[in-house]
N, C-alpha and C. Protein backbone atom coordinates (compact mmCIF):
# COMPACT_ATOMS: atom_id res chain seq x y z
N UNK A 1 -34.42 -19.72 5.75
CA UNK A 1 -34.25 -18.97 4.53
C UNK A 1 -33.64 -17.59 4.80
N UNK A 2 -34.09 -16.95 5.88
CA UNK A 2 -33.56 -15.63 6.23
C UNK A 2 -32.08 -15.73 6.59
N UNK A 3 -31.72 -16.80 7.30
CA UNK A 3 -30.33 -16.99 7.71
C UNK A 3 -29.41 -17.15 6.49
N UNK A 4 -29.85 -17.92 5.53
CA UNK A 4 -29.06 -18.14 4.31
C UNK A 4 -28.93 -16.84 3.52
N UNK A 5 -30.00 -16.11 3.40
CA UNK A 5 -29.99 -14.83 2.68
C UNK A 5 -29.05 -13.84 3.37
N UNK A 6 -29.11 -13.81 4.70
CA UNK A 6 -28.22 -12.91 5.45
C UNK A 6 -26.76 -13.28 5.24
N UNK A 7 -26.46 -14.56 5.27
CA UNK A 7 -25.07 -14.99 5.05
C UNK A 7 -24.59 -14.66 3.64
N UNK A 8 -25.43 -14.87 2.66
CA UNK A 8 -25.05 -14.57 1.28
C UNK A 8 -24.84 -13.07 1.10
N UNK A 9 -25.74 -12.26 1.63
CA UNK A 9 -25.62 -10.80 1.51
C UNK A 9 -24.38 -10.29 2.23
N UNK A 10 -24.14 -10.78 3.43
CA UNK A 10 -22.95 -10.35 4.17
C UNK A 10 -21.69 -10.83 3.48
N UNK A 11 -21.70 -12.05 2.97
CA UNK A 11 -20.55 -12.56 2.23
C UNK A 11 -20.26 -11.72 1.00
N UNK A 12 -21.30 -11.28 0.32
CA UNK A 12 -21.12 -10.43 -0.86
C UNK A 12 -20.52 -9.07 -0.47
N UNK A 13 -20.96 -8.51 0.65
CA UNK A 13 -20.41 -7.23 1.12
C UNK A 13 -18.93 -7.40 1.50
N UNK A 14 -18.61 -8.49 2.18
CA UNK A 14 -17.22 -8.75 2.56
C UNK A 14 -16.36 -8.94 1.31
N UNK A 15 -16.86 -9.69 0.36
CA UNK A 15 -16.13 -9.90 -0.89
C UNK A 15 -15.90 -8.59 -1.62
N UNK A 16 -16.92 -7.74 -1.69
CA UNK A 16 -16.79 -6.43 -2.33
C UNK A 16 -15.76 -5.57 -1.59
N UNK A 17 -15.78 -5.61 -0.28
CA UNK A 17 -14.82 -4.86 0.52
C UNK A 17 -13.39 -5.32 0.27
N UNK A 18 -13.18 -6.63 0.23
CA UNK A 18 -11.84 -7.18 -0.01
C UNK A 18 -11.35 -6.90 -1.44
N UNK A 19 -12.24 -7.00 -2.41
CA UNK A 19 -11.85 -6.70 -3.79
C UNK A 19 -11.49 -5.22 -3.93
N UNK A 20 -12.27 -4.35 -3.31
CA UNK A 20 -11.97 -2.91 -3.36
C UNK A 20 -10.64 -2.61 -2.68
N UNK A 21 -10.36 -3.25 -1.54
CA UNK A 21 -9.08 -3.06 -0.86
C UNK A 21 -7.91 -3.57 -1.68
N UNK A 22 -8.09 -4.71 -2.31
CA UNK A 22 -7.04 -5.25 -3.18
C UNK A 22 -6.80 -4.34 -4.37
N UNK A 23 -7.87 -3.86 -4.99
CA UNK A 23 -7.76 -3.00 -6.16
C UNK A 23 -7.03 -1.70 -5.81
N UNK A 24 -7.37 -1.13 -4.66
CA UNK A 24 -6.70 0.11 -4.23
C UNK A 24 -5.22 -0.14 -3.93
N UNK A 25 -4.89 -1.29 -3.40
CA UNK A 25 -3.51 -1.62 -3.09
C UNK A 25 -2.71 -1.94 -4.34
N UNK A 26 -3.33 -2.59 -5.30
CA UNK A 26 -2.63 -3.05 -6.48
C UNK A 26 -2.07 -1.90 -7.31
N UNK A 27 -2.71 -0.73 -7.26
CA UNK A 27 -2.25 0.43 -8.02
C UNK A 27 -0.80 0.77 -7.68
N UNK A 28 -0.42 0.67 -6.42
CA UNK A 28 0.97 0.93 -6.02
C UNK A 28 1.80 -0.35 -5.92
N UNK A 29 1.16 -1.43 -5.47
CA UNK A 29 1.91 -2.67 -5.23
C UNK A 29 2.51 -3.26 -6.49
N UNK A 30 1.86 -3.08 -7.63
CA UNK A 30 2.40 -3.67 -8.86
C UNK A 30 3.76 -3.09 -9.20
N UNK A 31 3.99 -1.83 -8.89
CA UNK A 31 5.27 -1.20 -9.19
C UNK A 31 6.36 -1.70 -8.23
N UNK A 32 5.97 -1.99 -7.00
CA UNK A 32 6.93 -2.48 -6.01
C UNK A 32 7.24 -3.96 -6.25
N UNK A 33 6.23 -4.74 -6.57
CA UNK A 33 6.42 -6.18 -6.76
C UNK A 33 7.12 -6.52 -8.07
N UNK A 34 6.86 -5.75 -9.11
CA UNK A 34 7.42 -6.02 -10.43
C UNK A 34 8.18 -4.81 -10.96
N UNK A 35 9.33 -4.49 -10.36
CA UNK A 35 10.06 -3.29 -10.77
C UNK A 35 10.86 -3.44 -12.07
N UNK A 36 10.91 -4.63 -12.63
CA UNK A 36 11.69 -4.85 -13.86
C UNK A 36 11.13 -3.96 -14.98
N UNK A 37 12.04 -3.26 -15.64
CA UNK A 37 11.64 -2.37 -16.72
C UNK A 37 11.24 -0.98 -16.25
N UNK A 38 11.23 -0.76 -14.95
CA UNK A 38 10.90 0.55 -14.41
C UNK A 38 12.15 1.18 -13.82
N UNK A 39 12.14 2.50 -13.77
CA UNK A 39 13.29 3.21 -13.20
C UNK A 39 13.28 3.07 -11.69
N UNK A 40 14.39 2.59 -11.15
CA UNK A 40 14.56 2.48 -9.70
C UNK A 40 15.67 3.43 -9.27
N UNK A 41 15.58 3.90 -8.05
CA UNK A 41 16.61 4.80 -7.55
C UNK A 41 16.25 5.36 -6.19
N UNK A 42 16.80 6.53 -5.90
CA UNK A 42 16.62 7.16 -4.61
C UNK A 42 16.07 8.57 -4.79
N UNK A 43 15.08 8.91 -3.99
CA UNK A 43 14.49 10.24 -3.97
C UNK A 43 14.99 10.94 -2.71
N UNK A 44 15.60 12.10 -2.86
CA UNK A 44 16.01 12.91 -1.73
C UNK A 44 14.94 13.97 -1.53
N UNK A 45 14.24 13.90 -0.41
CA UNK A 45 13.11 14.79 -0.16
C UNK A 45 13.63 16.19 0.17
N UNK A 46 13.16 17.17 -0.62
CA UNK A 46 13.56 18.57 -0.38
C UNK A 46 12.42 19.41 0.18
N UNK A 47 11.20 18.94 0.04
CA UNK A 47 10.06 19.68 0.56
C UNK A 47 8.79 18.87 0.48
N UNK A 48 7.83 19.22 1.35
CA UNK A 48 6.56 18.50 1.40
C UNK A 48 5.39 19.48 1.49
N UNK A 49 4.27 19.08 0.91
CA UNK A 49 3.00 19.77 1.10
C UNK A 49 2.13 18.84 1.95
N UNK A 50 0.84 19.14 2.02
CA UNK A 50 -0.05 18.27 2.80
C UNK A 50 -0.21 16.89 2.17
N UNK A 51 -0.12 16.80 0.86
CA UNK A 51 -0.40 15.53 0.18
C UNK A 51 0.84 14.83 -0.38
N UNK A 52 1.83 15.59 -0.85
CA UNK A 52 2.98 14.97 -1.51
C UNK A 52 4.29 15.56 -1.02
N UNK A 53 5.35 14.82 -1.25
CA UNK A 53 6.71 15.30 -1.02
C UNK A 53 7.44 15.23 -2.37
N UNK A 54 8.43 16.09 -2.54
CA UNK A 54 9.14 16.14 -3.82
C UNK A 54 10.63 16.31 -3.58
N UNK A 55 11.38 16.00 -4.63
CA UNK A 55 12.82 16.16 -4.57
C UNK A 55 13.47 15.56 -5.80
N UNK A 56 14.80 15.66 -5.88
CA UNK A 56 15.51 15.10 -7.03
C UNK A 56 15.60 13.57 -6.94
N UNK A 57 15.62 12.96 -8.12
CA UNK A 57 15.68 11.50 -8.24
C UNK A 57 17.04 11.10 -8.79
N UNK A 58 17.74 10.23 -8.05
CA UNK A 58 19.01 9.69 -8.50
C UNK A 58 18.79 8.22 -8.87
N UNK A 59 18.92 7.86 -10.14
CA UNK A 59 18.65 6.49 -10.56
C UNK A 59 19.70 5.51 -10.05
N UNK A 60 19.28 4.26 -9.87
CA UNK A 60 20.21 3.21 -9.43
C UNK A 60 21.14 2.80 -10.57
N UNK A 61 20.64 2.88 -11.79
CA UNK A 61 21.44 2.53 -12.96
C UNK A 61 22.20 3.76 -13.46
N UNK A 62 23.49 3.63 -13.74
CA UNK A 62 24.25 4.79 -14.21
C UNK A 62 23.82 5.29 -15.59
N UNK A 63 23.14 4.47 -16.37
CA UNK A 63 22.72 4.90 -17.70
C UNK A 63 21.34 5.54 -17.71
N UNK A 64 20.62 5.46 -16.60
CA UNK A 64 19.27 6.03 -16.53
C UNK A 64 19.32 7.54 -16.37
N UNK A 65 18.21 8.18 -16.61
CA UNK A 65 18.12 9.63 -16.58
C UNK A 65 17.83 10.13 -15.16
N UNK A 66 18.56 11.16 -14.74
CA UNK A 66 18.29 11.81 -13.46
C UNK A 66 17.13 12.78 -13.65
N UNK A 67 16.28 12.88 -12.67
CA UNK A 67 15.15 13.82 -12.73
C UNK A 67 15.33 14.86 -11.63
N UNK A 68 15.12 16.12 -11.99
CA UNK A 68 15.30 17.21 -11.02
C UNK A 68 14.18 17.22 -9.98
N UNK A 69 12.97 16.81 -10.37
CA UNK A 69 11.85 16.84 -9.42
C UNK A 69 10.94 15.64 -9.66
N UNK A 70 10.78 14.84 -8.62
CA UNK A 70 9.89 13.69 -8.62
C UNK A 70 9.02 13.82 -7.38
N UNK A 71 7.75 13.42 -7.47
CA UNK A 71 6.85 13.52 -6.32
C UNK A 71 6.50 12.12 -5.81
N UNK A 72 6.26 12.06 -4.50
CA UNK A 72 5.84 10.83 -3.85
C UNK A 72 4.73 11.18 -2.86
N UNK A 73 3.81 10.24 -2.66
CA UNK A 73 2.74 10.45 -1.70
C UNK A 73 3.35 10.62 -0.31
N UNK A 74 2.87 11.61 0.41
CA UNK A 74 3.41 11.86 1.74
C UNK A 74 2.95 10.77 2.70
N UNK A 75 3.88 10.27 3.50
CA UNK A 75 3.56 9.27 4.50
C UNK A 75 4.35 9.57 5.77
N UNK A 76 4.15 8.77 6.77
CA UNK A 76 4.75 9.00 8.08
C UNK A 76 6.27 9.05 8.02
N UNK A 77 6.89 8.16 7.27
CA UNK A 77 8.34 8.04 7.28
C UNK A 77 9.09 9.01 6.39
N UNK A 78 8.38 9.90 5.70
CA UNK A 78 9.05 10.81 4.76
C UNK A 78 9.18 12.19 5.41
N UNK A 79 10.43 12.62 5.57
CA UNK A 79 10.71 13.94 6.14
C UNK A 79 11.73 14.64 5.25
N UNK A 80 11.81 15.94 5.39
CA UNK A 80 12.75 16.72 4.59
C UNK A 80 14.17 16.22 4.83
N UNK A 81 14.90 15.99 3.75
CA UNK A 81 16.27 15.50 3.84
C UNK A 81 16.40 13.99 3.79
N UNK A 82 15.28 13.28 3.89
CA UNK A 82 15.32 11.81 3.88
C UNK A 82 15.60 11.30 2.47
N UNK A 83 16.34 10.21 2.40
CA UNK A 83 16.57 9.52 1.14
C UNK A 83 15.71 8.27 1.12
N UNK A 84 14.82 8.21 0.16
CA UNK A 84 13.84 7.14 0.10
C UNK A 84 14.06 6.31 -1.16
N UNK A 85 14.20 4.97 -1.04
CA UNK A 85 14.28 4.14 -2.25
C UNK A 85 12.91 4.13 -2.94
N UNK A 86 12.90 4.39 -4.24
CA UNK A 86 11.64 4.50 -4.96
C UNK A 86 11.71 3.79 -6.31
N UNK A 87 10.53 3.56 -6.87
CA UNK A 87 10.35 3.09 -8.24
C UNK A 87 9.43 4.10 -8.91
N UNK A 88 9.81 4.57 -10.10
CA UNK A 88 8.97 5.52 -10.82
C UNK A 88 7.87 4.81 -11.57
N UNK A 89 6.68 5.40 -11.54
CA UNK A 89 5.59 4.88 -12.37
C UNK A 89 5.95 5.14 -13.83
N UNK A 90 5.62 4.22 -14.73
CA UNK A 90 5.99 4.40 -16.13
C UNK A 90 5.44 5.68 -16.73
N UNK A 91 6.27 6.38 -17.48
CA UNK A 91 5.92 7.60 -18.22
C UNK A 91 5.43 8.74 -17.33
N UNK A 92 5.82 8.75 -16.06
CA UNK A 92 5.43 9.85 -15.17
C UNK A 92 6.63 10.24 -14.32
N UNK A 93 6.45 11.24 -13.51
CA UNK A 93 7.44 11.62 -12.50
C UNK A 93 6.88 11.39 -11.11
N UNK A 94 6.00 10.40 -11.00
CA UNK A 94 5.44 9.99 -9.72
C UNK A 94 6.19 8.76 -9.24
N UNK A 95 6.58 8.79 -7.98
CA UNK A 95 7.35 7.69 -7.41
C UNK A 95 6.50 6.89 -6.43
N UNK A 96 6.87 5.64 -6.27
CA UNK A 96 6.27 4.75 -5.28
C UNK A 96 7.41 4.23 -4.43
N UNK A 97 7.25 4.24 -3.13
CA UNK A 97 8.28 3.76 -2.23
C UNK A 97 8.62 2.31 -2.54
N UNK A 98 9.89 1.96 -2.55
CA UNK A 98 10.34 0.61 -2.86
C UNK A 98 10.82 -0.08 -1.57
N UNK A 99 11.24 -1.31 -1.69
CA UNK A 99 11.76 -2.06 -0.56
C UNK A 99 10.65 -2.57 0.34
N UNK A 100 11.03 -3.01 1.54
CA UNK A 100 10.05 -3.55 2.48
C UNK A 100 9.02 -2.50 2.89
N UNK A 101 9.49 -1.28 3.12
CA UNK A 101 8.57 -0.20 3.49
C UNK A 101 7.54 0.05 2.40
N UNK A 102 7.98 0.04 1.16
CA UNK A 102 7.07 0.25 0.04
C UNK A 102 6.10 -0.91 -0.15
N UNK A 103 6.59 -2.12 0.07
CA UNK A 103 5.74 -3.29 -0.06
C UNK A 103 4.57 -3.22 0.92
N UNK A 104 4.88 -3.00 2.20
CA UNK A 104 3.82 -2.96 3.20
C UNK A 104 2.96 -1.71 3.08
N UNK A 105 3.58 -0.58 2.71
CA UNK A 105 2.81 0.66 2.52
C UNK A 105 1.79 0.50 1.39
N UNK A 106 2.16 -0.20 0.35
CA UNK A 106 1.25 -0.42 -0.78
C UNK A 106 0.05 -1.27 -0.38
N UNK A 107 0.22 -2.18 0.55
CA UNK A 107 -0.86 -3.09 0.93
C UNK A 107 -1.70 -2.58 2.10
N UNK A 108 -1.51 -1.33 2.53
CA UNK A 108 -2.31 -0.78 3.63
C UNK A 108 -3.82 -0.82 3.34
N UNK A 109 -4.30 -0.43 2.15
CA UNK A 109 -5.76 -0.52 1.91
C UNK A 109 -6.30 -1.94 2.03
N UNK A 110 -5.55 -2.92 1.55
CA UNK A 110 -6.01 -4.30 1.66
C UNK A 110 -5.99 -4.77 3.12
N UNK A 111 -4.96 -4.39 3.87
CA UNK A 111 -4.92 -4.73 5.30
C UNK A 111 -6.09 -4.11 6.04
N UNK A 112 -6.42 -2.87 5.71
CA UNK A 112 -7.59 -2.23 6.32
C UNK A 112 -8.88 -2.94 5.95
N UNK A 113 -8.99 -3.40 4.71
CA UNK A 113 -10.19 -4.13 4.29
C UNK A 113 -10.30 -5.46 5.03
N UNK A 114 -9.18 -6.14 5.24
CA UNK A 114 -9.20 -7.39 6.01
C UNK A 114 -9.66 -7.13 7.45
N UNK A 115 -9.14 -6.07 8.03
CA UNK A 115 -9.50 -5.74 9.41
C UNK A 115 -10.96 -5.31 9.51
N UNK A 116 -11.41 -4.51 8.55
CA UNK A 116 -12.78 -4.04 8.54
C UNK A 116 -13.78 -5.16 8.24
N UNK A 117 -13.37 -6.12 7.44
CA UNK A 117 -14.25 -7.23 7.10
C UNK A 117 -14.39 -8.27 8.20
N UNK A 118 -13.47 -8.29 9.16
CA UNK A 118 -13.50 -9.31 10.21
C UNK A 118 -14.80 -9.31 11.03
N UNK A 119 -15.28 -8.17 11.52
CA UNK A 119 -16.55 -8.22 12.26
C UNK A 119 -17.74 -8.66 11.40
N UNK A 120 -17.70 -8.32 10.12
CA UNK A 120 -18.78 -8.76 9.23
C UNK A 120 -18.73 -10.27 9.05
N UNK A 121 -17.52 -10.81 8.95
CA UNK A 121 -17.38 -12.26 8.81
C UNK A 121 -17.87 -12.96 10.08
N UNK A 122 -17.52 -12.40 11.24
CA UNK A 122 -17.92 -13.02 12.50
C UNK A 122 -19.42 -12.93 12.73
N UNK A 123 -20.01 -11.76 12.53
CA UNK A 123 -21.42 -11.55 12.85
C UNK A 123 -22.36 -12.00 11.74
N UNK A 124 -22.01 -11.69 10.50
CA UNK A 124 -22.94 -11.97 9.40
C UNK A 124 -22.79 -13.34 8.80
N UNK A 125 -21.56 -13.80 8.64
CA UNK A 125 -21.32 -15.09 8.00
C UNK A 125 -21.19 -16.20 9.05
N UNK A 126 -20.95 -15.81 10.28
CA UNK A 126 -20.84 -16.75 11.42
C UNK A 126 -19.63 -17.68 11.32
N UNK A 127 -18.52 -17.14 10.83
CA UNK A 127 -17.27 -17.90 10.80
C UNK A 127 -16.27 -17.17 11.70
N UNK A 128 -16.30 -17.48 12.97
CA UNK A 128 -15.46 -16.76 13.94
C UNK A 128 -13.97 -17.01 13.72
N UNK A 129 -13.59 -18.21 13.41
CA UNK A 129 -12.18 -18.52 13.19
C UNK A 129 -11.64 -17.75 11.97
N UNK A 130 -12.40 -17.74 10.89
CA UNK A 130 -12.01 -16.98 9.69
C UNK A 130 -11.95 -15.48 9.99
N UNK A 131 -12.85 -15.01 10.84
CA UNK A 131 -12.83 -13.60 11.23
C UNK A 131 -11.57 -13.26 12.01
N UNK A 132 -11.17 -14.13 12.92
CA UNK A 132 -9.93 -13.89 13.67
C UNK A 132 -8.71 -13.92 12.76
N UNK A 133 -8.71 -14.84 11.81
CA UNK A 133 -7.60 -14.91 10.85
C UNK A 133 -7.56 -13.64 10.01
N UNK A 134 -8.70 -13.18 9.55
CA UNK A 134 -8.77 -11.95 8.76
C UNK A 134 -8.30 -10.75 9.57
N UNK A 135 -8.77 -10.64 10.80
CA UNK A 135 -8.36 -9.52 11.65
C UNK A 135 -6.87 -9.59 11.95
N UNK A 136 -6.36 -10.77 12.21
CA UNK A 136 -4.92 -10.92 12.48
C UNK A 136 -4.07 -10.57 11.28
N UNK A 137 -4.48 -11.02 10.10
CA UNK A 137 -3.73 -10.70 8.88
C UNK A 137 -3.76 -9.21 8.58
N UNK A 138 -4.94 -8.59 8.73
CA UNK A 138 -5.05 -7.15 8.51
C UNK A 138 -4.23 -6.36 9.51
N UNK A 139 -4.31 -6.75 10.78
CA UNK A 139 -3.52 -6.08 11.81
C UNK A 139 -2.03 -6.25 11.59
N UNK A 140 -1.63 -7.43 11.13
CA UNK A 140 -0.22 -7.69 10.84
C UNK A 140 0.29 -6.81 9.70
N UNK A 141 -0.48 -6.67 8.64
CA UNK A 141 -0.10 -5.83 7.52
C UNK A 141 0.03 -4.37 7.96
N UNK A 142 -0.95 -3.88 8.71
CA UNK A 142 -0.91 -2.48 9.15
C UNK A 142 0.23 -2.23 10.12
N UNK A 143 0.49 -3.16 11.03
CA UNK A 143 1.62 -3.01 11.95
C UNK A 143 2.95 -3.07 11.23
N UNK A 144 3.08 -4.01 10.30
CA UNK A 144 4.32 -4.11 9.52
C UNK A 144 4.56 -2.86 8.70
N UNK A 145 3.49 -2.28 8.15
CA UNK A 145 3.65 -1.04 7.38
C UNK A 145 4.11 0.09 8.29
N UNK A 146 3.54 0.19 9.46
CA UNK A 146 3.93 1.23 10.41
C UNK A 146 5.39 1.08 10.81
N UNK A 147 5.82 -0.13 11.08
CA UNK A 147 7.20 -0.37 11.49
C UNK A 147 8.16 -0.16 10.31
N UNK A 148 7.82 -0.68 9.14
CA UNK A 148 8.73 -0.59 7.99
C UNK A 148 8.86 0.83 7.46
N UNK A 149 7.78 1.59 7.46
CA UNK A 149 7.83 2.95 6.94
C UNK A 149 8.41 3.90 7.97
N UNK A 150 8.20 3.61 9.23
CA UNK A 150 8.68 4.50 10.29
C UNK A 150 10.19 4.48 10.47
N UNK A 151 10.84 3.42 10.00
CA UNK A 151 12.29 3.32 10.21
C UNK A 151 13.06 3.36 8.92
């Protein structure tokens, strides 16, 4: 009875961790995955603070509106003078990185949740193969994000 209770409790914690990671990722990923109807273009970074970088936005469509200042979350691959493909969040001047770099960058919280959940799956739920798959998938997402955003 204790073994079953432990597995159920650990499984619930892992499920909560994965749902929270997915939810945190979906906030940015939805704009990258479904850019139709959203403004797409290029952000030229002119300056950065500790949390965000900003610069002018040049839309991909010639009929869209140019914005003098758009902000993006600061990440490893964003430096002053860099041109970053972005998608604007609807009705804001906040940008989300687009392309492969944006796709993997958006899924970093979910990749971290997969990696963090792997030891819980192995020790608490006793599914070692599933734990290795979870750790591998999480590590793959985080490595791909590092490579895609860094270049």
